């Protein structure tokens, strides 16, 4: 089971990771975007951390929906609507829950992926966060169906997210600001896929420790 405290620890760990990786994410974005992904994500999660105490007594669904709403209102660029949607859909998928089963965790990530794909109109191969998220969710689903425990399933999901992130390097971007560069977008790792990899990595590190 994943408890409410586990979810809060995950959000804190993700916020810390984004702060640590802010310059790296911005550097990745400088090559193919507006050079603001790291700054925007860090700003958004600083705002999330400031707001979390006001919802810590609520259920997991309410907490995740609050994260989504804060991100929509504070993060600039494409990251705000996409990550906002990701957390809003997660929250809706586990509405009213005080703890999460392995199937709840899967349902939460599946809902997040669907939301991001609908919002950004992106598919695998477009050089976006979907390229890291899709293989991660598929790996999680497959591992749990095979009877793996959550620790093993999240390790596999994180490895798949990392592979998906690295697979964006040779891709030509077909969505967002990076798509304006055409062929010149190839050879650079997508910043959104990178911050998505951290999301899974942080869940694995906190929930499997």
Foldseek 3Di string as FASTA:
>chain_A
DQALVLVVQLLVLLLVVLVVCLQVLLVLCVQQHDSCPSVQVNQLSVQLVVCQVVCSVDANLVSLLSSLVSLLVRGDDPRSPLSSQLSNQLSVLQPPHRGDDLVNVLSSLVSSLVRNCVVFVDDQLQQALNLLSVQLSVQLVVCVVVPHHNLVSLVRSLVSLVVSQVVSQQGQHDGDRSNVVGNSSHRGGRSRSVSSSSSSVSSNVSVVD
